[in-house]
Amino acid sequence: MVYLDSTVLIAFLYEERDQPERFGETNRLMEFVRQQKVEAAISFYALPELYAFVKAHQAESDVSSTLRLGLLELFLIPLIIFPFLPRERFNDLKKQFVIVDPDDARHVASALSQNCSAIITFDHHFQQVRELIPVFTPDEYLATLENESEGE
């Protein structure tokens, strides 16, 4: 199971026009998830980040409806959804790594707590934990799947 960081969710839900390359990568990955060729997870930690993105890019009157429509689209995909970690568990996991962005720390801890095999992201901060858990962009991850299938 792979963990999808909020940058991937934002690209998939909201950046088709402004970031078509990122959207294309995430759309290809999500198709693998839809077909259940990839087991993917997200966490509640992504929700405030999705909200912040929408709030920064939409008129105030459109924030709620834009976010709601994005969540509807997201939850049609068979993703596993992790809850917030209990504070003690988060603090124990956080002792295993250092990452600059505290929001990213929550995603790393969530992925580690559920034994995810990789984090899929566009955020370069996650490179700080790549020795602990593999980190890929969507296309990089899909390339690993292609390499695995060629080796069979």
N, C-alpha and C. Protein backbone atom coordinates (compact mmCIF):
# COMPACT_ATOMS: atom_id res chain seq x y z
N MET A 1 0.85 -1.17 0.00
CA MET A 1 0.00 0.00 0.00
C MET A 1 0.90 1.24 0.00
N VAL A 2 0.54 2.22 -0.84
CA VAL A 2 1.28 3.47 -0.91
C VAL A 2 0.44 4.59 -0.29
N TYR A 3 1.14 5.59 0.22
CA TYR A 3 0.50 6.73 0.85
C TYR A 3 0.54 7.91 -0.11
N LEU A 4 -0.61 8.54 -0.34
CA LEU A 4 -0.69 9.69 -1.23
C LEU A 4 -0.68 10.97 -0.42
N ASP A 5 0.35 11.77 -0.63
CA ASP A 5 0.46 13.07 0.02
C ASP A 5 -0.57 14.02 -0.58
N SER A 6 -0.87 15.08 0.13
CA SER A 6 -1.87 16.05 -0.33
C SER A 6 -1.48 16.74 -1.63
N THR A 7 -0.18 16.85 -1.94
CA THR A 7 0.20 17.47 -3.22
C THR A 7 -0.32 16.67 -4.39
N VAL A 8 -0.38 15.36 -4.23
CA VAL A 8 -0.91 14.49 -5.29
C VAL A 8 -2.43 14.68 -5.39
N LEU A 9 -3.08 14.78 -4.25
CA LEU A 9 -4.53 14.97 -4.26
C LEU A 9 -4.90 16.32 -4.87
N ILE A 10 -4.15 17.35 -4.52
CA ILE A 10 -4.40 18.68 -5.08
C ILE A 10 -4.22 18.67 -6.59
N ALA A 11 -3.14 18.05 -7.06
CA ALA A 11 -2.91 17.99 -8.51
C ALA A 11 -4.06 17.26 -9.20
N PHE A 12 -4.52 16.18 -8.63
CA PHE A 12 -5.59 15.38 -9.22
C PHE A 12 -6.93 16.13 -9.23
N LEU A 13 -7.24 16.79 -8.13
CA LEU A 13 -8.55 17.41 -8.00
C LEU A 13 -8.66 18.81 -8.58
N TYR A 14 -7.56 19.57 -8.54
CA TYR A 14 -7.70 20.99 -8.80
C TYR A 14 -6.71 21.59 -9.80
N GLU A 15 -5.80 20.81 -10.36
CA GLU A 15 -4.77 21.42 -11.19
C GLU A 15 -4.76 20.95 -12.64
N GLU A 16 -5.86 20.42 -13.11
CA GLU A 16 -5.90 19.94 -14.50
C GLU A 16 -5.52 21.04 -15.49
N ARG A 17 -6.00 22.23 -15.27
CA ARG A 17 -5.72 23.34 -16.19
C ARG A 17 -4.36 24.00 -15.92
N ASP A 18 -4.05 24.25 -14.65
CA ASP A 18 -2.85 25.02 -14.31
C ASP A 18 -1.57 24.18 -14.25
N GLN A 19 -1.69 22.91 -13.97
CA GLN A 19 -0.53 22.01 -13.89
C GLN A 19 -0.86 20.71 -14.66
N PRO A 20 -1.00 20.78 -15.98
CA PRO A 20 -1.47 19.60 -16.72
C PRO A 20 -0.53 18.40 -16.61
N GLU A 21 0.78 18.61 -16.46
CA GLU A 21 1.70 17.48 -16.34
C GLU A 21 1.44 16.73 -15.02
N ARG A 22 1.35 17.51 -13.94
CA ARG A 22 1.07 16.88 -12.64
C ARG A 22 -0.29 16.20 -12.65
N PHE A 23 -1.27 16.86 -13.22
CA PHE A 23 -2.60 16.26 -13.30
C PHE A 23 -2.53 14.93 -14.07
N GLY A 24 -1.82 14.92 -15.19
CA GLY A 24 -1.70 13.70 -15.98
C GLY A 24 -1.08 12.57 -15.20
N GLU A 25 -0.01 12.87 -14.46
CA GLU A 25 0.65 11.85 -13.63
C GLU A 25 -0.32 11.29 -12.60
N THR A 26 -1.00 12.18 -11.90
CA THR A 26 -1.89 11.72 -10.84
C THR A 26 -3.09 11.00 -11.40
N ASN A 27 -3.58 11.44 -12.54
CA ASN A 27 -4.71 10.77 -13.16
C ASN A 27 -4.34 9.34 -13.56
N ARG A 28 -3.13 9.16 -14.10
CA ARG A 28 -2.68 7.79 -14.45
C ARG A 28 -2.59 6.92 -13.19
N LEU A 29 -2.03 7.48 -12.13
CA LEU A 29 -1.92 6.73 -10.88
C LEU A 29 -3.31 6.38 -10.33
N MET A 30 -4.21 7.35 -10.35
CA MET A 30 -5.55 7.10 -9.83
C MET A 30 -6.29 6.05 -10.65
N GLU A 31 -5.99 5.96 -11.94
CA GLU A 31 -6.60 4.91 -12.75
C GLU A 31 -6.14 3.54 -12.27
N PHE A 32 -4.88 3.41 -11.90
CA PHE A 32 -4.38 2.15 -11.34
C PHE A 32 -5.09 1.84 -10.02
N VAL A 33 -5.34 2.87 -9.22
CA VAL A 33 -6.05 2.68 -7.95
C VAL A 33 -7.49 2.26 -8.23
N ARG A 34 -8.14 2.93 -9.17
CA ARG A 34 -9.52 2.57 -9.53
C ARG A 34 -9.62 1.11 -9.96
N GLN A 35 -8.63 0.67 -10.74
CA GLN A 35 -8.62 -0.71 -11.24
C GLN A 35 -8.10 -1.70 -10.20
N GLN A 36 -7.78 -1.19 -9.03
CA GLN A 36 -7.25 -1.98 -7.90
C GLN A 36 -5.96 -2.69 -8.25
N LYS A 37 -5.17 -2.06 -9.11
CA LYS A 37 -3.82 -2.54 -9.41
C LYS A 37 -2.82 -1.93 -8.44
N VAL A 38 -3.22 -0.85 -7.78
CA VAL A 38 -2.43 -0.20 -6.74
C VAL A 38 -3.35 0.04 -5.56
N GLU A 39 -2.88 -0.35 -4.38
CA GLU A 39 -3.60 -0.06 -3.15
C GLU A 39 -3.03 1.24 -2.60
N ALA A 40 -3.88 2.24 -2.44
CA ALA A 40 -3.41 3.56 -2.02
C ALA A 40 -4.22 4.06 -0.84
N ALA A 41 -3.56 4.88 -0.03
CA ALA A 41 -4.18 5.43 1.16
C ALA A 41 -3.94 6.92 1.26
N ILE A 42 -4.86 7.57 1.95
CA ILE A 42 -4.71 8.98 2.31
C ILE A 42 -5.04 9.07 3.80
N SER A 43 -4.83 10.24 4.37
CA SER A 43 -5.20 10.41 5.77
C SER A 43 -6.02 11.67 5.95
N PHE A 44 -6.64 11.77 7.11
CA PHE A 44 -7.38 12.97 7.47
C PHE A 44 -6.49 14.20 7.44
N TYR A 45 -5.16 14.02 7.56
CA TYR A 45 -4.24 15.16 7.54
C TYR A 45 -4.29 15.92 6.22
N ALA A 46 -4.75 15.27 5.16
CA ALA A 46 -4.84 15.95 3.87
C ALA A 46 -6.00 16.94 3.81
N LEU A 47 -7.02 16.73 4.60
CA LEU A 47 -8.23 17.57 4.50
C LEU A 47 -7.96 19.05 4.75
N PRO A 48 -7.25 19.44 5.81
CA PRO A 48 -6.98 20.87 5.99
C PRO A 48 -6.12 21.45 4.87
N GLU A 49 -5.26 20.65 4.30
CA GLU A 49 -4.42 21.12 3.20
C GLU A 49 -5.23 21.30 1.92
N LEU A 50 -6.18 20.41 1.68
CA LEU A 50 -7.07 20.60 0.54
C LEU A 50 -7.90 21.87 0.73
N TYR A 51 -8.42 22.05 1.93
CA TYR A 51 -9.20 23.25 2.22
C TYR A 51 -8.37 24.51 2.00
N ALA A 52 -7.15 24.53 2.50
CA ALA A 52 -6.28 25.71 2.37
C ALA A 52 -5.99 26.01 0.90
N PHE A 53 -5.78 24.97 0.10
CA PHE A 53 -5.53 25.17 -1.33
C PHE A 53 -6.75 25.80 -1.99
N VAL A 54 -7.91 25.23 -1.74
CA VAL A 54 -9.14 25.75 -2.36
C VAL A 54 -9.38 27.18 -1.91
N LYS A 55 -9.21 27.45 -0.63
CA LYS A 55 -9.44 28.80 -0.10
C LYS A 55 -8.50 29.81 -0.76
N ALA A 56 -7.27 29.41 -1.05
CA ALA A 56 -6.29 30.31 -1.67
C ALA A 56 -6.55 30.53 -3.16
N HIS A 57 -7.35 29.66 -3.79
CA HIS A 57 -7.52 29.72 -5.24
C HIS A 57 -8.95 29.97 -5.70
N GLN A 58 -9.88 30.11 -4.77
CA GLN A 58 -11.28 30.30 -5.15
C GLN A 58 -11.84 31.54 -4.46
N ALA A 59 -12.87 32.10 -5.03
CA ALA A 59 -13.60 33.16 -4.36
C ALA A 59 -14.22 32.58 -3.09
N GLU A 60 -14.31 33.39 -2.07
CA GLU A 60 -14.84 32.93 -0.77
C GLU A 60 -16.18 32.23 -0.92
N SER A 61 -17.02 32.74 -1.80
CA SER A 61 -18.35 32.16 -1.98
C SER A 61 -18.32 30.78 -2.64
N ASP A 62 -17.19 30.41 -3.26
CA ASP A 62 -17.08 29.13 -3.96
C ASP A 62 -16.29 28.07 -3.20
N VAL A 63 -15.69 28.44 -2.08
CA VAL A 63 -14.79 27.52 -1.37
C VAL A 63 -15.51 26.24 -0.96
N SER A 64 -16.63 26.36 -0.30
CA SER A 64 -17.33 25.19 0.21
C SER A 64 -17.76 24.24 -0.91
N SER A 65 -18.36 24.78 -1.96
CA SER A 65 -18.84 23.91 -3.04
C SER A 65 -17.68 23.30 -3.81
N THR A 66 -16.60 24.04 -4.02
CA THR A 66 -15.45 23.51 -4.74
C THR A 66 -14.80 22.38 -3.94
N LEU A 67 -14.63 22.60 -2.64
CA LEU A 67 -14.05 21.56 -1.79
C LEU A 67 -14.95 20.33 -1.76
N ARG A 68 -16.23 20.54 -1.58
CA ARG A 68 -17.18 19.42 -1.51
C ARG A 68 -17.16 18.59 -2.79
N LEU A 69 -17.16 19.25 -3.94
CA LEU A 69 -17.13 18.51 -5.21
C LEU A 69 -15.82 17.73 -5.36
N GLY A 70 -14.72 18.33 -4.94
CA GLY A 70 -13.45 17.62 -4.98
C GLY A 70 -13.45 16.40 -4.10
N LEU A 71 -13.98 16.54 -2.89
CA LEU A 71 -14.05 15.40 -1.98
C LEU A 71 -14.96 14.30 -2.52
N LEU A 72 -16.06 14.69 -3.14
CA LEU A 72 -16.94 13.68 -3.75
C LEU A 72 -16.18 12.88 -4.81
N GLU A 73 -15.44 13.57 -5.66
CA GLU A 73 -14.65 12.89 -6.69
C GLU A 73 -13.60 11.99 -6.06
N LEU A 74 -12.93 12.51 -5.05
CA LEU A 74 -11.87 11.73 -4.39
C LEU A 74 -12.42 10.47 -3.75
N PHE A 75 -13.54 10.58 -3.07
CA PHE A 75 -14.06 9.44 -2.33
C PHE A 75 -14.80 8.42 -3.20
N LEU A 76 -14.91 8.69 -4.50
CA LEU A 76 -15.39 7.67 -5.43
C LEU A 76 -14.28 6.67 -5.77
N ILE A 77 -13.06 7.02 -5.45
CA ILE A 77 -11.91 6.16 -5.72
C ILE A 77 -11.72 5.25 -4.51
N PRO A 78 -11.42 3.98 -4.72
CA PRO A 78 -11.31 3.05 -3.58
C PRO A 78 -10.01 3.23 -2.78
N LEU A 79 -9.90 4.37 -2.13
CA LEU A 79 -8.75 4.69 -1.29
C LEU A 79 -9.00 4.21 0.13
N ILE A 80 -7.94 3.86 0.80
CA ILE A 80 -8.00 3.58 2.24
C ILE A 80 -7.80 4.92 2.93
N ILE A 81 -8.57 5.17 3.97
CA ILE A 81 -8.50 6.46 4.66
C ILE A 81 -8.05 6.23 6.10
N PHE A 82 -6.90 6.83 6.44
CA PHE A 82 -6.36 6.72 7.78
C PHE A 82 -6.86 7.88 8.64
N PRO A 83 -7.20 7.61 9.89
CA PRO A 83 -7.62 8.68 10.80
C PRO A 83 -6.40 9.44 11.33
N PHE A 84 -6.67 10.51 12.08
CA PHE A 84 -5.60 11.19 12.79
C PHE A 84 -4.95 10.22 13.76
N LEU A 85 -3.66 10.36 13.95
CA LEU A 85 -2.95 9.52 14.91
C LEU A 85 -3.13 10.07 16.32
N PRO A 86 -3.23 9.18 17.30
CA PRO A 86 -3.20 9.68 18.69
C PRO A 86 -1.87 10.40 18.93
N ARG A 87 -1.89 11.44 19.73
CA ARG A 87 -0.71 12.28 19.95
C ARG A 87 0.51 11.47 20.38
N GLU A 88 0.33 10.53 21.31
CA GLU A 88 1.47 9.73 21.78
C GLU A 88 2.08 8.91 20.64
N ARG A 89 1.23 8.32 19.82
CA ARG A 89 1.72 7.51 18.69
C ARG A 89 2.47 8.40 17.70
N PHE A 90 1.92 9.58 17.40
CA PHE A 90 2.59 10.50 16.51
C PHE A 90 3.97 10.87 17.06
N ASN A 91 4.03 11.23 18.34
CA ASN A 91 5.29 11.63 18.94
C ASN A 91 6.32 10.50 18.93
N ASP A 92 5.88 9.27 19.15
CA ASP A 92 6.80 8.12 19.08
C ASP A 92 7.35 7.94 17.67
N LEU A 93 6.48 8.02 16.68
CA LEU A 93 6.93 7.86 15.29
C LEU A 93 7.83 9.01 14.86
N LYS A 94 7.52 10.22 15.30
CA LYS A 94 8.29 11.41 14.93
C LYS A 94 9.75 11.31 15.38
N LYS A 95 10.03 10.52 16.39
CA LYS A 95 11.40 10.33 16.88
C LYS A 95 12.28 9.61 15.85
N GLN A 96 11.66 8.97 14.87
CA GLN A 96 12.40 8.19 13.87
C GLN A 96 12.92 9.02 12.71
N PHE A 97 12.48 10.27 12.57
CA PHE A 97 12.85 11.05 11.38
C PHE A 97 12.84 12.54 11.66
N VAL A 98 13.46 13.27 10.75
CA VAL A 98 13.46 14.72 10.78
C VAL A 98 13.00 15.20 9.40
N ILE A 99 12.04 16.11 9.41
CA ILE A 99 11.56 16.71 8.17
C ILE A 99 11.21 18.17 8.48
N VAL A 100 11.52 19.05 7.56
CA VAL A 100 11.39 20.49 7.79
C VAL A 100 9.95 20.92 8.07
N ASP A 101 9.02 20.45 7.28
CA ASP A 101 7.64 20.92 7.36
C ASP A 101 6.84 20.08 8.36
N PRO A 102 6.28 20.70 9.40
CA PRO A 102 5.51 19.93 10.39
C PRO A 102 4.27 19.25 9.79
N ASP A 103 3.67 19.85 8.75
CA ASP A 103 2.54 19.17 8.10
C ASP A 103 3.00 17.88 7.44
N ASP A 104 4.18 17.92 6.83
CA ASP A 104 4.72 16.71 6.20
C ASP A 104 5.03 15.63 7.23
N ALA A 105 5.44 16.04 8.41
CA ALA A 105 5.73 15.08 9.48
C ALA A 105 4.49 14.24 9.80
N ARG A 106 3.34 14.86 9.76
CA ARG A 106 2.10 14.12 10.04
C ARG A 106 1.84 13.06 8.96
N HIS A 107 2.12 13.41 7.72
CA HIS A 107 1.93 12.45 6.64
C HIS A 107 2.92 11.29 6.76
N VAL A 108 4.17 11.61 7.06
CA VAL A 108 5.18 10.55 7.22
C VAL A 108 4.79 9.62 8.36
N ALA A 109 4.41 10.19 9.48
CA ALA A 109 4.02 9.37 10.63
C ALA A 109 2.81 8.49 10.29
N SER A 110 1.87 9.05 9.58
CA SER A 110 0.69 8.28 9.19
C SER A 110 1.08 7.12 8.29
N ALA A 111 1.93 7.38 7.30
CA ALA A 111 2.38 6.31 6.40
C ALA A 111 3.16 5.24 7.16
N LEU A 112 4.02 5.65 8.05
CA LEU A 112 4.79 4.69 8.84
C LEU A 112 3.90 3.87 9.76
N SER A 113 2.91 4.52 10.36
CA SER A 113 2.04 3.81 11.31
C SER A 113 1.26 2.69 10.65
N GLN A 114 1.03 2.82 9.36
CA GLN A 114 0.25 1.81 8.63
C GLN A 114 1.13 0.93 7.74
N ASN A 115 2.45 1.04 7.92
CA ASN A 115 3.41 0.22 7.17
C ASN A 115 3.28 0.38 5.66
N CYS A 116 3.07 1.60 5.22
CA CYS A 116 3.00 1.85 3.77
C CYS A 116 4.37 1.58 3.14
N SER A 117 4.34 1.15 1.91
CA SER A 117 5.58 0.80 1.21
C SER A 117 6.26 2.01 0.59
N ALA A 118 5.54 3.13 0.43
CA ALA A 118 6.11 4.33 -0.18
C ALA A 118 5.18 5.51 0.05
N ILE A 119 5.75 6.70 -0.11
CA ILE A 119 4.98 7.93 -0.13
C ILE A 119 5.04 8.49 -1.54
N ILE A 120 3.88 8.81 -2.09
CA ILE A 120 3.79 9.40 -3.43
C ILE A 120 3.50 10.89 -3.24
N THR A 121 4.36 11.73 -3.81
CA THR A 121 4.27 13.17 -3.56
C THR A 121 4.98 13.97 -4.64
N PHE A 122 4.66 15.24 -4.71
CA PHE A 122 5.42 16.20 -5.52
C PHE A 122 6.27 17.10 -4.62
N ASP A 123 6.16 16.94 -3.33
CA ASP A 123 6.82 17.80 -2.35
C ASP A 123 8.25 17.31 -2.10
N HIS A 124 9.22 18.14 -2.42
CA HIS A 124 10.62 17.75 -2.27
C HIS A 124 11.05 17.56 -0.82
N HIS A 125 10.32 18.11 0.14
CA HIS A 125 10.67 17.93 1.55
C HIS A 125 10.72 16.46 1.95
N PHE A 126 9.91 15.64 1.32
CA PHE A 126 9.85 14.23 1.68
C PHE A 126 11.15 13.49 1.36
N GLN A 127 11.99 14.08 0.52
CA GLN A 127 13.28 13.45 0.25
C GLN A 127 14.10 13.30 1.53
N GLN A 128 13.79 14.09 2.54
CA GLN A 128 14.50 14.01 3.81
C GLN A 128 14.25 12.68 4.54
N VAL A 129 13.21 11.96 4.18
CA VAL A 129 12.90 10.70 4.86
C VAL A 129 13.03 9.49 3.94
N ARG A 130 13.60 9.68 2.77
CA ARG A 130 13.65 8.59 1.79
C ARG A 130 14.46 7.38 2.25
N GLU A 131 15.34 7.56 3.25
CA GLU A 131 16.08 6.42 3.79
C GLU A 131 15.18 5.55 4.68
N LEU A 132 14.12 6.15 5.19
CA LEU A 132 13.20 5.45 6.07
C LEU A 132 12.03 4.82 5.30
N ILE A 133 11.56 5.55 4.29
CA ILE A 133 10.44 5.09 3.47
C ILE A 133 10.66 5.62 2.05
N PRO A 134 10.53 4.80 1.03
CA PRO A 134 10.73 5.29 -0.34
C PRO A 134 9.76 6.41 -0.69
N VAL A 135 10.25 7.36 -1.50
CA VAL A 135 9.48 8.53 -1.90
C VAL A 135 9.52 8.62 -3.42
N PHE A 136 8.36 8.77 -4.04
CA PHE A 136 8.25 8.83 -5.49
C PHE A 136 7.25 9.91 -5.92
N THR A 137 7.42 10.43 -7.12
CA THR A 137 6.33 11.15 -7.77
C THR A 137 5.41 10.06 -8.35
N PRO A 138 4.22 10.42 -8.78
CA PRO A 138 3.35 9.39 -9.38
C PRO A 138 4.00 8.67 -10.56
N ASP A 139 4.62 9.42 -11.48
CA ASP A 139 5.26 8.76 -12.63
C ASP A 139 6.42 7.87 -12.22
N GLU A 140 7.21 8.32 -11.24
CA GLU A 140 8.31 7.47 -10.76
C GLU A 140 7.78 6.17 -10.18
N TYR A 141 6.70 6.26 -9.42
CA TYR A 141 6.12 5.05 -8.85
C TYR A 141 5.56 4.13 -9.94
N LEU A 142 4.86 4.68 -10.90
CA LEU A 142 4.32 3.86 -11.98
C LEU A 142 5.44 3.20 -12.77
N ALA A 143 6.58 3.87 -12.91
CA ALA A 143 7.73 3.27 -13.59
C ALA A 143 8.24 2.06 -12.82
N THR A 144 8.19 2.10 -11.48
CA THR A 144 8.63 0.93 -10.71
C THR A 144 7.70 -0.25 -10.95
N LEU A 145 6.41 0.03 -11.13
CA LEU A 145 5.46 -1.05 -11.42
C LEU A 145 5.74 -1.67 -12.79
N GLU A 146 6.06 -0.81 -13.76
CA GLU A 146 6.40 -1.31 -15.09
C GLU A 146 7.65 -2.17 -15.05
N ASN A 147 8.65 -1.73 -14.29
CA ASN A 147 9.89 -2.50 -14.17
C ASN A 147 9.63 -3.83 -13.50
N GLU A 148 8.77 -3.86 -12.49
CA GLU A 148 8.43 -5.11 -11.82
C GLU A 148 7.72 -6.08 -12.78
N SER A 149 6.79 -5.55 -13.60
CA SER A 149 6.05 -6.43 -14.51
C SER A 149 6.94 -6.92 -15.64
N GLU A 150 7.94 -6.13 -16.04
CA GLU A 150 8.88 -6.59 -17.07
C GLU A 150 9.78 -7.69 -16.55
N GLY A 151 10.05 -7.67 -15.25
CA GLY A 151 10.92 -8.67 -14.65
C GLY A 151 10.25 -10.00 -14.39
N GLU A 152 8.95 -10.06 -14.57
CA GLU A 152 8.22 -11.31 -14.31
C GLU A 152 8.32 -12.27 -15.46
